[in-house]
PDB file of all heavy atoms in Angstrom:
ATOM      1  N   ARG A   1     105.341 108.312  93.136  1.00  0.00           N
ATOM      2  CA  ARG A   1     106.413 107.832  92.231  1.00  0.00           C
ATOM      3  C   ARG A   1     107.762 108.171  92.626  1.00  0.00           C
ATOM      4  O   ARG A   1     108.760 107.582  92.151  1.00  0.00           O
ATOM      5  CB  ARG A   1     106.152 108.423  90.772  1.00  0.00           C
ATOM      6  CG  ARG A   1     104.872 107.784  90.224  1.00  0.00           C
ATOM      7  CD  ARG A   1     104.662 108.363  88.716  1.00  0.00           C
ATOM      8  NE  ARG A   1     103.221 108.513  88.507  1.00  0.00           N
ATOM      9  CZ  ARG A   1     102.603 109.559  87.983  1.00  0.00           C
ATOM     10  NH1 ARG A   1     103.308 110.528  87.704  1.00  0.00           N
ATOM     11  NH2 ARG A   1     101.337 109.507  87.769  1.00  0.00           N
ATOM     12  N   SER A   2     107.926 109.261  93.488  1.00  0.00           N
ATOM     13  CA  SER A   2     109.251 109.654  93.851  1.00  0.00           C
ATOM     14  C   SER A   2     109.576 109.150  95.363  1.00  0.00           C
ATOM     15  O   SER A   2     110.567 109.542  95.858  1.00  0.00           O
ATOM     16  CB  SER A   2     109.314 111.179  93.847  1.00  0.00           C
ATOM     17  OG  SER A   2     109.068 111.622  92.573  1.00  0.00           O
ATOM     18  N   ASP A   3     108.663 108.436  95.944  1.00  0.00           N
ATOM     19  CA  ASP A   3     108.837 107.873  97.318  1.00  0.00           C
ATOM     20  C   ASP A   3     109.637 106.595  97.373  1.00  0.00           C
ATOM     21  O   ASP A   3     109.292 105.620  96.746  1.00  0.00           O
ATOM     22  CB  ASP A   3     107.449 107.689  97.943  1.00  0.00           C
ATOM     23  CG  ASP A   3     107.456 107.490  99.484  1.00  0.00           C
ATOM     24  OD1 ASP A   3     108.587 107.007  99.994  1.00  0.00           O
ATOM     25  OD2 ASP A   3     106.545 107.831 100.027  1.00  0.00           O
ATOM     26  N   ALA A   4     110.750 106.673  98.051  1.00  0.00           N
ATOM     27  CA  ALA A   4     111.699 105.447  98.086  1.00  0.00           C
ATOM     28  C   ALA A   4     110.938 104.242  98.737  1.00  0.00           C
ATOM     29  O   ALA A   4     111.456 103.154  98.550  1.00  0.00           O
ATOM     30  CB  ALA A   4     112.858 105.856  98.820  1.00  0.00           C
ATOM     31  N   ARG A   5     109.928 104.512  99.484  1.00  0.00           N
ATOM     32  CA  ARG A   5     109.279 103.388 100.238  1.00  0.00           C
ATOM     33  C   ARG A   5     108.292 102.611  99.275  1.00  0.00           C
ATOM     34  O   ARG A   5     107.907 101.544  99.616  1.00  0.00           O
ATOM     35  CB  ARG A   5     108.453 103.940 101.432  1.00  0.00           C
ATOM     36  CG  ARG A   5     109.245 104.656 102.414  1.00  0.00           C
ATOM     37  CD  ARG A   5     108.419 105.246 103.508  1.00  0.00           C
ATOM     38  NE  ARG A   5     107.731 106.540 102.895  1.00  0.00           N
ATOM     39  CZ  ARG A   5     106.957 107.279 103.564  1.00  0.00           C
ATOM     40  NH1 ARG A   5     106.812 107.112 104.834  1.00  0.00           N
ATOM     41  NH2 ARG A   5     106.420 108.304 102.886  1.00  0.00           N
ATOM     42  N   ILE A   6     108.162 103.223  98.069  1.00  0.00           N
ATOM     43  CA  ILE A   6     107.215 102.581  97.115  1.00  0.00           C
ATOM     44  C   ILE A   6     108.124 102.154  95.946  1.00  0.00           C
ATOM     45  O   ILE A   6     108.732 102.955  95.357  1.00  0.00           O
ATOM     46  CB  ILE A   6     106.065 103.532  96.617  1.00  0.00           C
ATOM     47  CG1 ILE A   6     105.243 103.860  97.916  1.00  0.00           C
ATOM     48  CG2 ILE A   6     105.271 102.861  95.531  1.00  0.00           C
ATOM     49  CD1 ILE A   6     104.171 104.868  97.614  1.00  0.00           C
ATOM     50  N   PRO A   7     108.219 100.776  95.620  1.00  0.00           N
ATOM     51  CA  PRO A   7     109.037 100.361  94.527  1.00  0.00           C
ATOM     52  C   PRO A   7     108.729 101.153  93.226  1.00  0.00           C
ATOM     53  O   PRO A   7     107.517 101.482  93.028  1.00  0.00           O
ATOM     54  CB  PRO A   7     108.835  98.882  94.537  1.00  0.00           C
ATOM     55  CG  PRO A   7     108.342  98.522  95.796  1.00  0.00           C
ATOM     56  CD  PRO A   7     107.505  99.702  96.319  1.00  0.00           C
ATOM     57  N   ILE A   8     109.524 101.050  92.314  1.00  0.00           N
ATOM     58  CA  ILE A   8     109.373 101.728  90.980  1.00  0.00           C
ATOM     59  C   ILE A   8     108.354 100.870  90.354  1.00  0.00           C
ATOM     60  O   ILE A   8     108.289  99.636  90.230  1.00  0.00           O
ATOM     61  CB  ILE A   8     110.626 101.636  90.113  1.00  0.00           C
ATOM     62  CG1 ILE A   8     111.714 102.630  90.739  1.00  0.00           C
ATOM     63  CG2 ILE A   8     110.380 101.990  88.657  1.00  0.00           C
ATOM     64  CD1 ILE A   8     113.038 102.479  90.024  1.00  0.00           C
ATOM     65  N   GLY A   9     107.234 101.504  89.870  1.00  0.00           N
ATOM     66  CA  GLY A   9     106.075 100.961  89.162  1.00  0.00           C
ATOM     67  C   GLY A   9     105.009 100.552  90.084  1.00  0.00           C
ATOM     68  O   GLY A   9     103.843 100.150  89.662  1.00  0.00           O
ATOM     69  N   GLY A  10     105.221 100.658  91.424  1.00  0.00           N
ATOM     70  CA  GLY A  10     104.091 100.338  92.342  1.00  0.00           C
ATOM     71  C   GLY A  10     104.430  99.331  93.384  1.00  0.00           C
ATOM     72  O   GLY A  10     105.505  98.591  93.283  1.00  0.00           O
ATOM     73  N   THR A  11     103.607  99.070  94.379  1.00  0.00           N
ATOM     74  CA  THR A  11     103.892  98.146  95.397  1.00  0.00           C
ATOM     75  C   THR A  11     103.280  96.700  94.917  1.00  0.00           C
ATOM     76  O   THR A  11     102.175  96.647  94.543  1.00  0.00           O
ATOM     77  CB  THR A  11     102.978  98.492  96.604  1.00  0.00           C
ATOM     78  OG1 THR A  11     103.435  99.792  97.094  1.00  0.00           O
ATOM     79  CG2 THR A  11     103.271  97.384  97.765  1.00  0.00           C
ATOM     80  N   PRO A  12     104.136  95.691  94.913  1.00  0.00           N
ATOM     81  CA  PRO A  12     103.777  94.388  94.374  1.00  0.00           C
ATOM     82  C   PRO A  12     102.578  93.819  95.285  1.00  0.00           C
ATOM     83  O   PRO A  12     102.516  94.157  96.470  1.00  0.00           O
ATOM     84  CB  PRO A  12     105.011  93.558  94.547  1.00  0.00           C
ATOM     85  CG  PRO A  12     106.159  94.473  94.666  1.00  0.00           C
ATOM     86  CD  PRO A  12     105.606  95.769  95.206  1.00  0.00           C
ATOM     87  N   GLY A  13     101.868  92.967  94.523  1.00  0.00           N
ATOM     88  CA  GLY A  13     100.812  92.192  95.410  1.00  0.00           C
ATOM     89  C   GLY A  13     101.486  91.072  96.268  1.00  0.00           C
ATOM     90  O   GLY A  13     102.612  90.810  96.118  1.00  0.00           O
ATOM     91  N   PHE A  14     100.696  90.528  97.169  1.00  0.00           N
ATOM     92  CA  PHE A  14     101.276  89.424  98.055  1.00  0.00           C
ATOM     93  C   PHE A  14     100.212  88.605  98.428  1.00  0.00           C
ATOM     94  O   PHE A  14      98.896  88.799  98.417  1.00  0.00           O
ATOM     95  CB  PHE A  14     101.946  90.055  99.248  1.00  0.00           C
ATOM     96  CG  PHE A  14     101.147  90.941 100.154  1.00  0.00           C
ATOM     97  CD1 PHE A  14     100.273  90.271 101.120  1.00  0.00           C
ATOM     98  CD2 PHE A  14     101.087  92.213 100.074  1.00  0.00           C
ATOM     99  CE1 PHE A  14      99.534  90.993 101.976  1.00  0.00           C
ATOM    100  CE2 PHE A  14     100.290  92.964 100.984  1.00  0.00           C
ATOM    101  CZ  PHE A  14      99.541  92.450 101.900  1.00  0.00           C
ATOM    102  N   ALA A  15     100.515  87.367  98.947  1.00  0.00           N
ATOM    103  CA  ALA A  15      99.630  86.416  99.596  1.00  0.00           C
ATOM    104  C   ALA A  15     100.363  85.860 100.780  1.00  0.00           C
ATOM    105  O   ALA A  15     101.494  85.407 100.594  1.00  0.00           O
ATOM    106  CB  ALA A  15      99.214  85.407  98.737  1.00  0.00           C
ATOM    107  N   VAL A  16      99.977  85.943 101.960  1.00  0.00           N
ATOM    108  CA  VAL A  16     100.624  85.448 103.059  1.00  0.00           C
ATOM    109  C   VAL A  16      99.690  84.351 103.850  1.00  0.00           C
ATOM    110  O   VAL A  16      98.563  84.694 104.248  1.00  0.00           O
ATOM    111  CB  VAL A  16     100.921  86.624 104.066  1.00  0.00           C
ATOM    112  CG1 VAL A  16     101.599  86.080 105.386  1.00  0.00           C
ATOM    113  CG2 VAL A  16     101.774  87.673 103.445  1.00  0.00           C
ATOM    114  N   LEU A  17     100.236  83.217 104.166  1.00  0.00           N
ATOM    115  CA  LEU A  17      99.572  82.245 104.833  1.00  0.00           C
ATOM    116  C   LEU A  17      99.866  82.108 106.243  1.00  0.00           C
ATOM    117  O   LEU A  17     101.077  82.051 106.543  1.00  0.00           O
ATOM    118  CB  LEU A  17      99.844  80.843 104.039  1.00  0.00           C
ATOM    119  CG  LEU A  17      99.281  79.619 104.665  1.00  0.00           C
ATOM    120  CD1 LEU A  17      97.852  79.568 104.470  1.00  0.00           C
ATOM    121  CD2 LEU A  17      99.951  78.377 103.941  1.00  0.00           C
ATOM    122  N   ASP A  18      98.829  81.916 107.068  1.00  0.00           N
ATOM    123  CA  ASP A  18      99.075  81.756 108.539  1.00  0.00           C
ATOM    124  C   ASP A  18      98.308  80.473 108.945  1.00  0.00           C
ATOM    125  O   ASP A  18      97.316  80.138 108.435  1.00  0.00           O
ATOM    126  CB  ASP A  18      98.464  82.880 109.416  1.00  0.00           C
ATOM    127  CG  ASP A  18      99.107  84.232 109.029  1.00  0.00           C
ATOM    128  OD1 ASP A  18     100.382  84.368 108.697  1.00  0.00           O
ATOM    129  OD2 ASP A  18      98.367  85.243 109.022  1.00  0.00           O
ATOM    130  N   LEU A  19      98.955  79.749 109.817  1.00  0.00           N
ATOM    131  CA  LEU A  19      98.245  78.552 110.497  1.00  0.00           C
ATOM    132  C   LEU A  19      98.022  78.790 111.912  1.00  0.00           C
ATOM    133  O   LEU A  19      98.835  79.299 112.693  1.00  0.00           O
ATOM    134  CB  LEU A  19      99.194  77.253 110.325  1.00  0.00           C
ATOM    135  CG  LEU A  19      99.514  76.931 108.949  1.00  0.00           C
ATOM    136  CD1 LEU A  19     100.456  75.751 108.900  1.00  0.00           C
ATOM    137  CD2 LEU A  19      98.239  76.585 108.147  1.00  0.00           C
ATOM    138  N   ARG A  20      96.806  78.337 112.343  1.00  0.00           N
ATOM    139  CA  ARG A  20      96.387  78.661 113.833  1.00  0.00           C
ATOM    140  C   ARG A  20      95.975  77.407 114.480  1.00  0.00           C
ATOM    141  O   ARG A  20      95.279  76.581 113.765  1.00  0.00           O
ATOM    142  CB  ARG A  20      95.321  79.793 113.819  1.00  0.00           C
ATOM    143  CG  ARG A  20      95.734  80.968 113.075  1.00  0.00           C
ATOM    144  CD  ARG A  20      94.674  82.005 113.214  1.00  0.00           C
ATOM    145  NE  ARG A  20      95.021  83.270 112.351  1.00  0.00           N
ATOM    146  CZ  ARG A  20      94.518  83.677 111.248  1.00  0.00           C
ATOM    147  NH1 ARG A  20      93.531  82.922 110.658  1.00  0.00           N
ATOM    148  NH2 ARG A  20      94.923  84.774 110.641  1.00  0.00           N
ATOM    149  N   ALA A  21      96.059  77.340 115.816  1.00  0.00           N
ATOM    150  CA  ALA A  21      95.470  76.327 116.518  1.00  0.00           C
ATOM    151  C   ALA A  21      95.118  76.763 117.939  1.00  0.00           C
ATOM    152  O   ALA A  21      95.793  77.710 118.384  1.00  0.00           O
ATOM    153  CB  ALA A  21      96.372  75.025 116.619  1.00  0.00           C
ATOM    154  N   GLY A  22      94.085  76.226 118.596  1.00  0.00           N
ATOM    155  CA  GLY A  22      93.757  76.803 119.938  1.00  0.00           C
ATOM    156  C   GLY A  22      92.951  75.744 120.641  1.00  0.00           C
ATOM    157  O   GLY A  22      92.482  74.712 120.196  1.00  0.00           O
ATOM    158  N   LEU A  23      92.808  76.011 122.008  1.00  0.00           N
ATOM    159  CA  LEU A  23      92.026  75.244 122.894  1.00  0.00           C
ATOM    160  C   LEU A  23      91.209  76.162 123.865  1.00  0.00           C
ATOM    161  O   LEU A  23      91.834  77.074 124.486  1.00  0.00           O
ATOM    162  CB  LEU A  23      92.911  74.277 123.698  1.00  0.00           C
ATOM    163  CG  LEU A  23      92.176  73.359 124.714  1.00  0.00           C
ATOM    164  CD1 LEU A  23      91.244  72.487 124.048  1.00  0.00           C
ATOM    165  CD2 LEU A  23      93.309  72.703 125.489  1.00  0.00           C
ATOM    166  N   ARG A  24      89.983  75.902 124.017  1.00  0.00           N
ATOM    167  CA  ARG A  24      89.103  76.699 124.884  1.00  0.00           C
ATOM    168  C   ARG A  24      88.582  75.696 126.018  1.00  0.00           C
ATOM    169  O   ARG A  24      87.967  74.716 125.588  1.00  0.00           O
ATOM    170  CB  ARG A  24      88.043  77.473 124.252  1.00  0.00           C
ATOM    171  CG  ARG A  24      87.026  78.288 125.068  1.00  0.00           C
ATOM    172  CD  ARG A  24      85.846  78.695 124.379  1.00  0.00           C
ATOM    173  NE  ARG A  24      86.103  79.626 123.254  1.00  0.00           N
ATOM    174  CZ  ARG A  24      86.110  80.945 123.379  1.00  0.00           C
ATOM    175  NH1 ARG A  24      85.653  81.463 124.540  1.00  0.00           N
ATOM    176  NH2 ARG A  24      86.482  81.826 122.489  1.00  0.00           N
ATOM    177  N   VAL A  25      88.732  76.139 127.281  1.00  0.00           N
ATOM    178  CA  VAL A  25      88.159  75.259 128.279  1.00  0.00           C
ATOM    179  C   VAL A  25      87.208  76.092 129.125  1.00  0.00           C
ATOM    180  O   VAL A  25      87.551  77.026 129.945  1.00  0.00           O
ATOM    181  CB  VAL A  25      89.349  74.835 129.306  1.00  0.00           C
ATOM    182  CG1 VAL A  25      88.835  73.989 130.373  1.00  0.00           C
ATOM    183  CG2 VAL A  25      90.379  74.136 128.482  1.00  0.00           C
TER     184      VAL A  25
END
């Protein structure tokens, strides 16, 4: 609760989207 790296009230949730493509020969 006193750590500046943690926002007041706690760490917010998140959702991160990644797109991927590849080719195997």
